[in-house]
Amino acid sequence: MTAPNLSSFSFDDLKIMLAGNIKDLYIETELERANWIVFSMINEASSSDSSFSILQQFLSDRPDLFLQKRLIVFAFCAPFYLDATNVSKLSAYFALYSQNPPIH
């Protein structure tokens, strides 16, 4: 049996791993073996628990998990929550948003 080619985790999972929780080494193992790491950002960076804050912590604290890999970010909100230092670590950064509310 081969290992799956795709794994999915929440930002809460990533936050727990970054806090050093021994129980959640599975996400770290999956990040180590990944060739591509893709983030989908949906909330704004208004709190320390936002997806952008957690991503910023990942980029600054754990470069060992993403160096020599494709690191892609899709932002489904305003694209300016990462600074130039963070963006320089990404392979691609896509912002998909509108200032207008969604049409129902």
N, C-alpha and C. Protein backbone atom coordinates (compact mmCIF):
# COMPACT_ATOMS: atom_id res chain seq x y z
N MET A 1 0.84 -1.18 0.00
CA MET A 1 0.00 0.00 0.00
C MET A 1 0.89 1.25 0.00
N THR A 2 0.58 2.20 -0.85
CA THR A 2 1.37 3.42 -0.93
C THR A 2 0.76 4.49 -0.04
N ALA A 3 1.60 5.45 0.34
CA ALA A 3 1.13 6.57 1.15
C ALA A 3 0.26 7.49 0.30
N PRO A 4 -0.71 8.18 0.92
CA PRO A 4 -1.55 9.10 0.15
C PRO A 4 -0.72 10.26 -0.40
N ASN A 5 -1.18 10.79 -1.52
CA ASN A 5 -0.47 11.89 -2.16
C ASN A 5 -0.93 13.26 -1.68
N LEU A 6 -1.97 13.29 -0.87
CA LEU A 6 -2.52 14.55 -0.41
C LEU A 6 -2.93 14.44 1.05
N SER A 7 -2.51 15.42 1.82
CA SER A 7 -2.93 15.52 3.22
C SER A 7 -3.48 16.91 3.44
N SER A 8 -4.44 17.03 4.34
CA SER A 8 -5.06 18.31 4.62
C SER A 8 -5.11 18.54 6.12
N PHE A 9 -4.76 19.75 6.53
CA PHE A 9 -4.76 20.11 7.94
C PHE A 9 -5.33 21.51 8.10
N SER A 10 -5.84 21.80 9.28
CA SER A 10 -6.36 23.14 9.57
C SER A 10 -5.25 24.02 10.13
N PHE A 11 -5.53 25.31 10.18
CA PHE A 11 -4.58 26.22 10.81
C PHE A 11 -4.48 25.96 12.32
N ASP A 12 -5.55 25.44 12.91
CA ASP A 12 -5.49 25.04 14.32
C ASP A 12 -4.48 23.91 14.50
N ASP A 13 -4.46 22.96 13.58
CA ASP A 13 -3.47 21.88 13.64
C ASP A 13 -2.06 22.44 13.55
N LEU A 14 -1.86 23.38 12.62
CA LEU A 14 -0.54 23.98 12.45
C LEU A 14 -0.14 24.76 13.70
N LYS A 15 -1.09 25.47 14.28
CA LYS A 15 -0.81 26.25 15.50
C LYS A 15 -0.39 25.33 16.65
N ILE A 16 -1.07 24.20 16.79
CA ILE A 16 -0.73 23.24 17.85
C ILE A 16 0.68 22.68 17.62
N MET A 17 1.00 22.37 16.37
CA MET A 17 2.33 21.86 16.06
C MET A 17 3.40 22.91 16.38
N LEU A 18 3.14 24.17 16.01
CA LEU A 18 4.10 25.23 16.27
C LEU A 18 4.31 25.48 17.76
N ALA A 19 3.28 25.16 18.56
CA ALA A 19 3.39 25.31 20.01
C ALA A 19 4.20 24.18 20.64
N GLY A 20 4.57 23.18 19.82
CA GLY A 20 5.39 22.10 20.32
C GLY A 20 4.64 20.97 20.97
N ASN A 21 3.37 20.81 20.62
CA ASN A 21 2.57 19.73 21.18
C ASN A 21 3.06 18.39 20.62
N ILE A 22 3.58 17.55 21.47
CA ILE A 22 4.15 16.26 21.06
C ILE A 22 3.12 15.36 20.40
N LYS A 23 1.86 15.47 20.78
CA LYS A 23 0.81 14.59 20.25
C LYS A 23 0.56 14.82 18.76
N ASP A 24 0.91 15.99 18.25
CA ASP A 24 0.57 16.33 16.87
C ASP A 24 1.79 16.33 15.95
N LEU A 25 2.60 15.28 16.03
CA LEU A 25 3.75 15.18 15.15
C LEU A 25 3.38 14.74 13.75
N TYR A 26 2.15 14.23 13.55
CA TYR A 26 1.74 13.77 12.23
C TYR A 26 1.80 14.90 11.21
N ILE A 27 1.35 16.08 11.56
CA ILE A 27 1.39 17.20 10.62
C ILE A 27 2.84 17.55 10.29
N GLU A 28 3.72 17.49 11.28
CA GLU A 28 5.12 17.79 11.03
C GLU A 28 5.74 16.76 10.09
N THR A 29 5.42 15.50 10.30
CA THR A 29 5.92 14.43 9.43
C THR A 29 5.42 14.63 8.00
N GLU A 30 4.16 14.98 7.85
CA GLU A 30 3.60 15.21 6.51
C GLU A 30 4.24 16.42 5.84
N LEU A 31 4.51 17.48 6.59
CA LEU A 31 5.18 18.65 6.03
C LEU A 31 6.60 18.32 5.61
N GLU A 32 7.28 17.48 6.37
CA GLU A 32 8.65 17.09 6.03
C GLU A 32 8.70 16.31 4.72
N ARG A 33 7.71 15.46 4.48
CA ARG A 33 7.75 14.62 3.28
C ARG A 33 7.08 15.28 2.07
N ALA A 34 6.45 16.41 2.25
CA ALA A 34 5.74 17.08 1.16
C ALA A 34 6.72 17.71 0.16
N ASN A 35 6.29 17.75 -1.09
CA ASN A 35 7.00 18.49 -2.13
C ASN A 35 6.35 19.86 -2.35
N TRP A 36 5.05 19.90 -2.14
CA TRP A 36 4.26 21.12 -2.28
C TRP A 36 3.52 21.35 -0.98
N ILE A 37 3.47 22.61 -0.54
CA ILE A 37 2.66 23.00 0.62
C ILE A 37 1.78 24.15 0.15
N VAL A 38 0.47 23.97 0.28
CA VAL A 38 -0.49 24.96 -0.21
C VAL A 38 -1.34 25.44 0.96
N PHE A 39 -1.42 26.75 1.13
CA PHE A 39 -2.25 27.36 2.16
C PHE A 39 -3.40 28.12 1.51
N SER A 40 -4.59 28.00 2.09
CA SER A 40 -5.75 28.79 1.67
C SER A 40 -6.14 29.68 2.83
N MET A 41 -6.04 30.97 2.64
CA MET A 41 -6.28 31.94 3.70
C MET A 41 -7.66 32.57 3.51
N ILE A 42 -8.50 32.47 4.54
CA ILE A 42 -9.85 33.01 4.38
C ILE A 42 -10.19 34.11 5.37
N ASN A 43 -9.45 34.23 6.46
CA ASN A 43 -9.81 35.28 7.41
C ASN A 43 -8.75 36.37 7.42
N GLU A 44 -9.16 37.53 7.90
CA GLU A 44 -8.26 38.67 7.93
C GLU A 44 -7.34 38.58 9.14
N ALA A 45 -6.25 39.29 9.07
CA ALA A 45 -5.22 39.22 10.11
C ALA A 45 -5.53 40.15 11.27
N SER A 46 -6.68 40.00 11.87
CA SER A 46 -7.07 40.92 12.95
C SER A 46 -6.78 40.37 14.34
N SER A 47 -6.32 39.12 14.44
CA SER A 47 -6.03 38.56 15.76
C SER A 47 -4.82 37.65 15.69
N SER A 48 -4.31 37.26 16.83
CA SER A 48 -3.16 36.36 16.87
C SER A 48 -3.55 34.95 16.45
N ASP A 49 -4.84 34.66 16.38
CA ASP A 49 -5.32 33.34 15.95
C ASP A 49 -5.69 33.31 14.47
N SER A 50 -5.45 34.38 13.76
CA SER A 50 -5.82 34.41 12.35
C SER A 50 -4.90 33.49 11.55
N SER A 51 -5.39 33.04 10.42
CA SER A 51 -4.58 32.17 9.57
C SER A 51 -3.29 32.86 9.14
N PHE A 52 -3.35 34.18 8.93
CA PHE A 52 -2.14 34.90 8.53
C PHE A 52 -1.12 34.94 9.65
N SER A 53 -1.55 35.12 10.88
CA SER A 53 -0.63 35.13 12.02
C SER A 53 0.04 33.77 12.19
N ILE A 54 -0.75 32.71 12.03
CA ILE A 54 -0.21 31.36 12.16
C ILE A 54 0.77 31.09 11.01
N LEU A 55 0.43 31.51 9.80
CA LEU A 55 1.34 31.34 8.67
C LEU A 55 2.63 32.12 8.89
N GLN A 56 2.53 33.35 9.37
CA GLN A 56 3.73 34.15 9.65
C GLN A 56 4.63 33.45 10.66
N GLN A 57 4.03 32.87 11.68
CA GLN A 57 4.81 32.13 12.68
C GLN A 57 5.49 30.92 12.04
N PHE A 58 4.76 30.19 11.21
CA PHE A 58 5.33 29.04 10.50
C PHE A 58 6.52 29.47 9.65
N LEU A 59 6.36 30.56 8.90
CA LEU A 59 7.43 31.02 8.02
C LEU A 59 8.67 31.48 8.78
N SER A 60 8.47 32.05 9.95
CA SER A 60 9.63 32.52 10.72
C SER A 60 10.25 31.44 11.61
N ASP A 61 9.41 30.54 12.14
CA ASP A 61 9.92 29.56 13.11
C ASP A 61 10.35 28.23 12.51
N ARG A 62 9.80 27.84 11.37
CA ARG A 62 10.06 26.49 10.85
C ARG A 62 10.48 26.44 9.38
N PRO A 63 11.50 27.21 9.00
CA PRO A 63 11.94 27.13 7.60
C PRO A 63 12.44 25.74 7.22
N ASP A 64 12.81 24.93 8.20
CA ASP A 64 13.25 23.56 7.92
C ASP A 64 12.15 22.72 7.29
N LEU A 65 10.90 23.13 7.48
CA LEU A 65 9.78 22.36 6.94
C LEU A 65 9.36 22.80 5.53
N PHE A 66 9.88 23.95 5.04
CA PHE A 66 9.44 24.38 3.71
C PHE A 66 10.56 24.74 2.75
N LEU A 67 11.81 24.78 3.21
CA LEU A 67 12.90 25.08 2.29
C LEU A 67 13.01 23.98 1.23
N GLN A 68 13.33 24.37 0.01
CA GLN A 68 13.46 23.45 -1.13
C GLN A 68 12.13 22.80 -1.51
N LYS A 69 11.02 23.47 -1.19
CA LYS A 69 9.69 22.96 -1.55
C LYS A 69 8.90 24.07 -2.24
N ARG A 70 7.86 23.69 -2.92
CA ARG A 70 6.93 24.67 -3.51
C ARG A 70 5.98 25.10 -2.40
N LEU A 71 5.95 26.38 -2.11
CA LEU A 71 5.11 26.93 -1.05
C LEU A 71 4.15 27.93 -1.68
N ILE A 72 2.86 27.58 -1.73
CA ILE A 72 1.85 28.36 -2.43
C ILE A 72 0.82 28.88 -1.43
N VAL A 73 0.41 30.14 -1.60
CA VAL A 73 -0.63 30.72 -0.75
C VAL A 73 -1.73 31.30 -1.64
N PHE A 74 -2.98 30.90 -1.33
CA PHE A 74 -4.16 31.49 -1.94
C PHE A 74 -4.84 32.32 -0.86
N ALA A 75 -4.97 33.63 -1.08
CA ALA A 75 -5.65 34.51 -0.14
C ALA A 75 -7.02 34.85 -0.70
N PHE A 76 -8.07 34.45 0.02
CA PHE A 76 -9.44 34.74 -0.40
C PHE A 76 -9.96 35.96 0.35
N CYS A 77 -9.06 36.89 0.59
CA CYS A 77 -9.35 38.17 1.24
C CYS A 77 -8.27 39.14 0.77
N ALA A 78 -8.23 40.32 1.34
CA ALA A 78 -7.25 41.31 0.91
C ALA A 78 -5.83 40.73 0.99
N PRO A 79 -5.00 41.04 0.01
CA PRO A 79 -3.70 40.37 -0.12
C PRO A 79 -2.55 40.99 0.67
N PHE A 80 -2.79 41.99 1.48
CA PHE A 80 -1.68 42.71 2.08
C PHE A 80 -1.37 42.34 3.52
N TYR A 81 -1.73 41.15 3.96
CA TYR A 81 -1.48 40.75 5.34
C TYR A 81 -0.12 40.09 5.54
N LEU A 82 0.59 39.79 4.48
CA LEU A 82 1.95 39.28 4.59
C LEU A 82 2.91 40.37 4.15
N ASP A 83 4.02 40.53 4.89
CA ASP A 83 4.99 41.54 4.49
C ASP A 83 5.94 40.98 3.44
N ALA A 84 6.82 41.83 2.93
CA ALA A 84 7.73 41.44 1.85
C ALA A 84 8.64 40.29 2.26
N THR A 85 9.05 40.26 3.51
CA THR A 85 9.90 39.16 3.98
C THR A 85 9.17 37.84 3.89
N ASN A 86 7.91 37.80 4.31
CA ASN A 86 7.13 36.57 4.24
C ASN A 86 6.86 36.17 2.79
N VAL A 87 6.47 37.13 1.97
CA VAL A 87 6.16 36.84 0.57
C VAL A 87 7.39 36.31 -0.16
N SER A 88 8.57 36.78 0.20
CA SER A 88 9.79 36.33 -0.46
C SER A 88 10.07 34.85 -0.21
N LYS A 89 9.47 34.26 0.79
CA LYS A 89 9.65 32.84 1.10
C LYS A 89 8.71 31.94 0.31
N LEU A 90 7.74 32.54 -0.38
CA LEU A 90 6.72 31.78 -1.10
C LEU A 90 7.13 31.53 -2.55
N SER A 91 6.68 30.43 -3.11
CA SER A 91 6.87 30.17 -4.53
C SER A 91 5.85 30.96 -5.34
N ALA A 92 4.63 31.11 -4.81
CA ALA A 92 3.57 31.87 -5.47
C ALA A 92 2.57 32.35 -4.42
N TYR A 93 2.01 33.54 -4.67
CA TYR A 93 1.02 34.13 -3.77
C TYR A 93 -0.12 34.67 -4.64
N PHE A 94 -1.28 34.06 -4.53
CA PHE A 94 -2.44 34.44 -5.33
C PHE A 94 -3.49 35.06 -4.42
N ALA A 95 -3.97 36.25 -4.79
CA ALA A 95 -5.03 36.91 -4.04
C ALA A 95 -6.30 36.89 -4.89
N LEU A 96 -7.34 36.32 -4.36
CA LEU A 96 -8.61 36.17 -5.06
C LEU A 96 -9.68 36.82 -4.20
N TYR A 97 -9.94 38.09 -4.44
CA TYR A 97 -10.86 38.81 -3.58
C TYR A 97 -11.53 39.95 -4.35
N SER A 98 -12.52 40.54 -3.69
CA SER A 98 -13.21 41.69 -4.25
C SER A 98 -13.58 42.61 -3.10
N GLN A 99 -13.62 43.90 -3.37
CA GLN A 99 -14.07 44.85 -2.35
C GLN A 99 -15.57 44.85 -2.23
N ASN A 100 -16.26 44.32 -3.23
CA ASN A 100 -17.72 44.28 -3.23
C ASN A 100 -18.20 43.03 -2.50
N PRO A 101 -19.38 43.11 -1.86
CA PRO A 101 -19.92 41.91 -1.22
C PRO A 101 -20.32 40.89 -2.28
N PRO A 102 -20.37 39.61 -1.90
CA PRO A 102 -20.78 38.58 -2.87
C PRO A 102 -22.21 38.79 -3.33
N ILE A 103 -22.47 38.45 -4.57
CA ILE A 103 -23.82 38.56 -5.14
C ILE A 103 -24.52 37.23 -4.91
N HIS A 104 -25.72 37.31 -4.36
CA HIS A 104 -26.49 36.08 -4.07
C HIS A 104 -27.56 35.86 -5.10
